[in-house]
Amino acid sequence: MAATAAQPMGNLPSGLGICTTAPDIFYLPELVFGGLVWILVASTHVEPPNPLGWVMFVSIFCFIMTFLWMIIFAAGCHGNSSGWAAADFAYHGLAAFFYLSAGVALANITFQRKIVGPFRLYQIDIAAVVFAYLATFFYFIHTILSSIRWKNF
């Protein structure tokens, strides 16, 4: 929390400040673990297509939106308004909910695949489930810290 002393919690960072302040320091882990879910699910045979299609949608949507959100904050295009703080809270809350639903669907498919199917695909699915829950965790922490920042704005 020493990094937040330089940047008050009520201000929105810009530039390299997003790499040193909470909650914005979580952009990189969200991108890494979300990208790993995307890669691992895409590398397996899509069976059944419906729940895994939702997992792919969530991972691609959240990866692209988080990257764009990070670029907006890094470029300083957000101004320093409470509207952006509220939007940051809303987006990360939605992303946490999406990743939680995708993680549950992926865990269910992985459990079903354990019974039938190649062991290699089962291992890939287990890794994707773990990374989906890690992405959920980071989005959830980002949501909590964004709500504190929005409240203090």
C-alpha atoms as a PDB file:
ATOM      1  CA  MET A   1       0.000   0.000   0.000  1.00  0.00           C
ATOM      2  CA  ALA A   2       3.025   2.285  -0.042  1.00  0.00           C
ATOM      3  CA  ALA A   3       2.396   2.933  -3.730  1.00  0.00           C
ATOM      4  CA  THR A   4      -0.975   4.503  -2.962  1.00  0.00           C
ATOM      5  CA  ALA A   5       0.625   7.165  -0.754  1.00  0.00           C
ATOM      6  CA  ALA A   6       1.886   8.989  -3.845  1.00  0.00           C
ATOM      7  CA  GLN A   7      -1.531   8.848  -5.509  1.00  0.00           C
ATOM      8  CA  PRO A   8      -4.582   9.576  -3.321  1.00  0.00           C
ATOM      9  CA  MET A   9      -7.301   6.935  -3.584  1.00  0.00           C
ATOM     10  CA  GLY A  10      -9.820   9.516  -4.857  1.00  0.00           C
ATOM     11  CA  ASN A  11      -7.835  10.401  -8.001  1.00  0.00           C
ATOM     12  CA  LEU A  12      -7.740   8.413 -11.208  1.00  0.00           C
ATOM     13  CA  PRO A  13      -4.162   7.714 -12.332  1.00  0.00           C
ATOM     14  CA  SER A  14      -2.828   8.214 -15.813  1.00  0.00           C
ATOM     15  CA  GLY A  15       0.382   7.323 -17.581  1.00  0.00           C
ATOM     16  CA  LEU A  16       2.715   5.039 -15.675  1.00  0.00           C
ATOM     17  CA  GLY A  17       0.684   5.734 -12.535  1.00  0.00           C
ATOM     18  CA  ILE A  18      -1.536   2.809 -13.458  1.00  0.00           C
ATOM     19  CA  CYS A  19       1.418   0.502 -12.832  1.00  0.00           C
ATOM     20  CA  THR A  20       1.891   1.701  -9.254  1.00  0.00           C
ATOM     21  CA  THR A  21      -1.547   2.359  -7.794  1.00  0.00           C
ATOM     22  CA  ALA A  22      -4.265   0.119  -6.465  1.00  0.00           C
ATOM     23  CA  PRO A  23      -6.577  -1.034  -8.041  1.00  0.00           C
ATOM     24  CA  ASP A  24      -4.976  -0.334 -11.423  1.00  0.00           C
ATOM     25  CA  ILE A  25      -1.983  -2.543 -10.753  1.00  0.00           C
ATOM     26  CA  PHE A  26      -4.309  -5.522 -11.365  1.00  0.00           C
ATOM     27  CA  TYR A  27      -4.684  -4.771 -15.104  1.00  0.00           C
ATOM     28  CA  LEU A  28      -1.684  -6.923 -16.013  1.00  0.00           C
ATOM     29  CA  PRO A  29      -2.681 -10.047 -14.017  1.00  0.00           C
ATOM     30  CA  GLU A  30      -6.219  -9.743 -15.425  1.00  0.00           C
ATOM     31  CA  LEU A  31      -4.814  -9.663 -18.962  1.00  0.00           C
ATOM     32  CA  VAL A  32      -2.369 -12.511 -18.366  1.00  0.00           C
ATOM     33  CA  PHE A  33      -4.809 -14.939 -16.737  1.00  0.00           C
ATOM     34  CA  GLY A  34      -7.677 -13.987 -19.047  1.00  0.00           C
ATOM     35  CA  GLY A  35      -5.410 -14.534 -22.046  1.00  0.00           C
ATOM     36  CA  LEU A  36      -4.362 -17.922 -20.692  1.00  0.00           C
ATOM     37  CA  VAL A  37      -8.019 -18.979 -20.372  1.00  0.00           C
ATOM     38  CA  TRP A  38      -8.599 -17.869 -23.957  1.00  0.00           C
ATOM     39  CA  ILE A  39      -5.558 -19.790 -25.234  1.00  0.00           C
ATOM     40  CA  LEU A  40      -6.250 -22.984 -23.267  1.00  0.00           C
ATOM     41  CA  VAL A  41      -9.933 -23.197 -24.200  1.00  0.00           C
ATOM     42  CA  ALA A  42      -9.128 -22.449 -27.841  1.00  0.00           C
ATOM     43  CA  SER A  43      -6.538 -25.256 -27.896  1.00  0.00           C
ATOM     44  CA  THR A  44      -9.046 -27.987 -27.035  1.00  0.00           C
ATOM     45  CA  HIS A  45     -11.844 -29.618 -28.985  1.00  0.00           C
ATOM     46  CA  VAL A  46     -14.989 -27.581 -28.391  1.00  0.00           C
ATOM     47  CA  GLU A  47     -17.414 -30.144 -27.032  1.00  0.00           C
ATOM     48  CA  PRO A  48     -20.102 -29.193 -25.997  1.00  0.00           C
ATOM     49  CA  PRO A  49     -20.043 -25.971 -28.000  1.00  0.00           C
ATOM     50  CA  ASN A  50     -22.561 -23.903 -26.034  1.00  0.00           C
ATOM     51  CA  PRO A  51     -20.911 -23.535 -22.597  1.00  0.00           C
ATOM     52  CA  LEU A  52     -17.411 -23.344 -24.053  1.00  0.00           C
ATOM     53  CA  GLY A  53     -18.647 -20.698 -26.489  1.00  0.00           C
ATOM     54  CA  TRP A  54     -19.655 -18.624 -23.459  1.00  0.00           C
ATOM     55  CA  VAL A  55     -16.216 -19.145 -21.915  1.00  0.00           C
ATOM     56  CA  MET A  56     -14.554 -18.014 -25.153  1.00  0.00           C
ATOM     57  CA  PHE A  57     -16.838 -14.970 -25.381  1.00  0.00           C
ATOM     58  CA  VAL A  58     -16.051 -13.964 -21.805  1.00  0.00           C
ATOM     59  CA  SER A  59     -12.311 -14.431 -22.157  1.00  0.00           C
ATOM     60  CA  ILE A  60     -12.062 -12.552 -25.475  1.00  0.00           C
ATOM     61  CA  PHE A  61     -14.479  -9.778 -24.435  1.00  0.00           C
ATOM     62  CA  CYS A  62     -12.778  -9.185 -21.088  1.00  0.00           C
ATOM     63  CA  PHE A  63      -9.290  -9.342 -22.610  1.00  0.00           C
ATOM     64  CA  ILE A  64     -10.098  -6.738 -25.270  1.00  0.00           C
ATOM     65  CA  MET A  65     -12.087  -4.468 -22.936  1.00  0.00           C
ATOM     66  CA  THR A  66      -9.472  -4.620 -20.173  1.00  0.00           C
ATOM     67  CA  PHE A  67      -6.740  -3.797 -22.669  1.00  0.00           C
ATOM     68  CA  LEU A  68      -8.737  -0.844 -24.033  1.00  0.00           C
ATOM     69  CA  TRP A  69      -9.614   0.287 -20.489  1.00  0.00           C
ATOM     70  CA  MET A  70      -5.927   0.155 -19.536  1.00  0.00           C
ATOM     71  CA  ILE A  71      -4.976   2.190 -22.634  1.00  0.00           C
ATOM     72  CA  ILE A  72      -7.637   4.822 -21.826  1.00  0.00           C
ATOM     73  CA  PHE A  73      -6.285   5.166 -18.295  1.00  0.00           C
ATOM     74  CA  ALA A  74      -2.645   5.157 -19.408  1.00  0.00           C
ATOM     75  CA  ALA A  75      -3.297   7.828 -22.041  1.00  0.00           C
ATOM     76  CA  GLY A  76      -5.168   9.997 -19.537  1.00  0.00           C
ATOM     77  CA  CYS A  77      -8.300  10.184 -21.717  1.00  0.00           C
ATOM     78  CA  HIS A  78     -10.542   9.660 -18.702  1.00  0.00           C
ATOM     79  CA  GLY A  79     -10.267  13.142 -17.257  1.00  0.00           C
ATOM     80  CA  ASN A  80     -10.512  12.945 -13.497  1.00  0.00           C
ATOM     81  CA  SER A  81     -14.238  12.588 -12.953  1.00  0.00           C
ATOM     82  CA  SER A  82     -16.337  10.449 -10.671  1.00  0.00           C
ATOM     83  CA  GLY A  83     -18.156   9.130 -13.764  1.00  0.00           C
ATOM     84  CA  TRP A  84     -15.024   7.324 -14.872  1.00  0.00           C
ATOM     85  CA  ALA A  85     -14.487   5.993 -11.357  1.00  0.00           C
ATOM     86  CA  ALA A  86     -18.049   4.626 -11.389  1.00  0.00           C
ATOM     87  CA  ALA A  87     -17.561   3.149 -14.863  1.00  0.00           C
ATOM     88  CA  ASP A  88     -14.341   1.481 -13.700  1.00  0.00           C
ATOM     89  CA  PHE A  89     -16.205  -0.077 -10.779  1.00  0.00           C
ATOM     90  CA  ALA A  90     -19.120  -1.178 -13.004  1.00  0.00           C
ATOM     91  CA  TYR A  91     -16.910  -2.709 -15.705  1.00  0.00           C
ATOM     92  CA  HIS A  92     -14.750  -4.696 -13.314  1.00  0.00           C
ATOM     93  CA  GLY A  93     -17.807  -5.885 -11.378  1.00  0.00           C
ATOM     94  CA  LEU A  94     -19.372  -7.099 -14.626  1.00  0.00           C
ATOM     95  CA  ALA A  95     -16.118  -8.763 -15.677  1.00  0.00           C
ATOM     96  CA  ALA A  96     -15.832 -10.534 -12.296  1.00  0.00           C
ATOM     97  CA  PHE A  97     -19.397 -11.813 -12.635  1.00  0.00           C
ATOM     98  CA  PHE A  98     -18.777 -12.941 -16.239  1.00  0.00           C
ATOM     99  CA  TYR A  99     -15.580 -14.767 -15.292  1.00  0.00           C
ATOM    100  CA  LEU A 100     -17.267 -16.435 -12.322  1.00  0.00           C
ATOM    101  CA  SER A 101     -20.049 -17.744 -14.575  1.00  0.00           C
ATOM    102  CA  ALA A 102     -17.519 -18.859 -17.190  1.00  0.00           C
ATOM    103  CA  GLY A 103     -15.384 -20.571 -14.550  1.00  0.00           C
ATOM    104  CA  VAL A 104     -18.368 -22.502 -13.203  1.00  0.00           C
ATOM    105  CA  ALA A 105     -19.393 -23.595 -16.718  1.00  0.00           C
ATOM    106  CA  LEU A 106     -15.827 -24.608 -17.525  1.00  0.00           C
ATOM    107  CA  ALA A 107     -15.485 -26.545 -14.259  1.00  0.00           C
ATOM    108  CA  ASN A 108     -18.701 -28.424 -15.061  1.00  0.00           C
ATOM    109  CA  ILE A 109     -17.453 -29.320 -18.552  1.00  0.00           C
ATOM    110  CA  THR A 110     -14.090 -30.369 -17.093  1.00  0.00           C
ATOM    111  CA  PHE A 111     -15.783 -32.613 -14.550  1.00  0.00           C
ATOM    112  CA  GLN A 112     -17.839 -34.246 -17.312  1.00  0.00           C
ATOM    113  CA  ARG A 113     -14.757 -34.652 -19.512  1.00  0.00           C
ATOM    114  CA  LYS A 114     -12.973 -36.515 -16.702  1.00  0.00           C
ATOM    115  CA  ILE A 115     -15.338 -39.404 -17.230  1.00  0.00           C
ATOM    116  CA  VAL A 116     -14.827 -39.650 -21.004  1.00  0.00           C
ATOM    117  CA  GLY A 117     -12.154 -38.169 -23.206  1.00  0.00           C
ATOM    118  CA  PRO A 118      -8.391 -37.943 -23.553  1.00  0.00           C
ATOM    119  CA  PHE A 119      -6.424 -37.188 -20.388  1.00  0.00           C
ATOM    120  CA  ARG A 120      -4.432 -34.418 -22.121  1.00  0.00           C
ATOM    121  CA  LEU A 121      -7.607 -32.419 -22.828  1.00  0.00           C
ATOM    122  CA  TYR A 122      -8.667 -32.963 -19.239  1.00  0.00           C
ATOM    123  CA  GLN A 123      -5.380 -31.486 -17.997  1.00  0.00           C
ATOM    124  CA  ILE A 124      -5.734 -28.473 -20.296  1.00  0.00           C
ATOM    125  CA  ASP A 125      -9.270 -27.917 -19.046  1.00  0.00           C
ATOM    126  CA  ILE A 126      -8.120 -28.104 -15.423  1.00  0.00           C
ATOM    127  CA  ALA A 127      -5.504 -25.430 -16.138  1.00  0.00           C
ATOM    128  CA  ALA A 128      -8.142 -23.269 -17.856  1.00  0.00           C
ATOM    129  CA  VAL A 129     -10.461 -23.613 -14.829  1.00  0.00           C
ATOM    130  CA  VAL A 130      -7.681 -22.584 -12.450  1.00  0.00           C
ATOM    131  CA  PHE A 131      -6.792 -19.565 -14.589  1.00  0.00           C
ATOM    132  CA  ALA A 132     -10.469 -18.605 -14.944  1.00  0.00           C
ATOM    133  CA  TYR A 133     -10.833 -18.547 -11.171  1.00  0.00           C
ATOM    134  CA  LEU A 134      -7.589 -16.574 -10.806  1.00  0.00           C
ATOM    135  CA  ALA A 135      -8.899 -14.039 -13.346  1.00  0.00           C
ATOM    136  CA  THR A 136     -12.174 -13.909 -11.368  1.00  0.00           C
ATOM    137  CA  PHE A 137     -10.196 -13.260  -8.195  1.00  0.00           C
ATOM    138  CA  PHE A 138      -8.194 -10.401  -9.730  1.00  0.00           C
ATOM    139  CA  TYR A 139     -11.292  -8.806 -11.275  1.00  0.00           C
ATOM    140  CA  PHE A 140     -13.084  -9.118  -7.919  1.00  0.00           C
ATOM    141  CA  ILE A 141     -10.228  -7.454  -6.011  1.00  0.00           C
ATOM    142  CA  HIS A 142     -10.093  -4.735  -8.673  1.00  0.00           C
ATOM    143  CA  THR A 143     -13.857  -4.240  -8.244  1.00  0.00           C
ATOM    144  CA  ILE A 144     -13.578  -3.849  -4.472  1.00  0.00           C
ATOM    145  CA  LEU A 145     -10.707  -1.370  -4.722  1.00  0.00           C
ATOM    146  CA  SER A 146     -12.482   0.535  -7.516  1.00  0.00           C
ATOM    147  CA  SER A 147     -15.594   0.841  -5.373  1.00  0.00           C
ATOM    148  CA  ILE A 148     -13.490   2.261  -2.514  1.00  0.00           C
ATOM    149  CA  ARG A 149     -11.898   4.749  -4.942  1.00  0.00           C
ATOM    150  CA  TRP A 150     -15.317   5.711  -6.337  1.00  0.00           C
ATOM    151  CA  LYS A 151     -16.684   6.210  -2.813  1.00  0.00           C
ATOM    152  CA  ASN A 152     -13.718   8.412  -1.853  1.00  0.00           C
ATOM    153  CA  PHE A 153     -13.876  10.438  -5.067  1.00  0.00           C
END
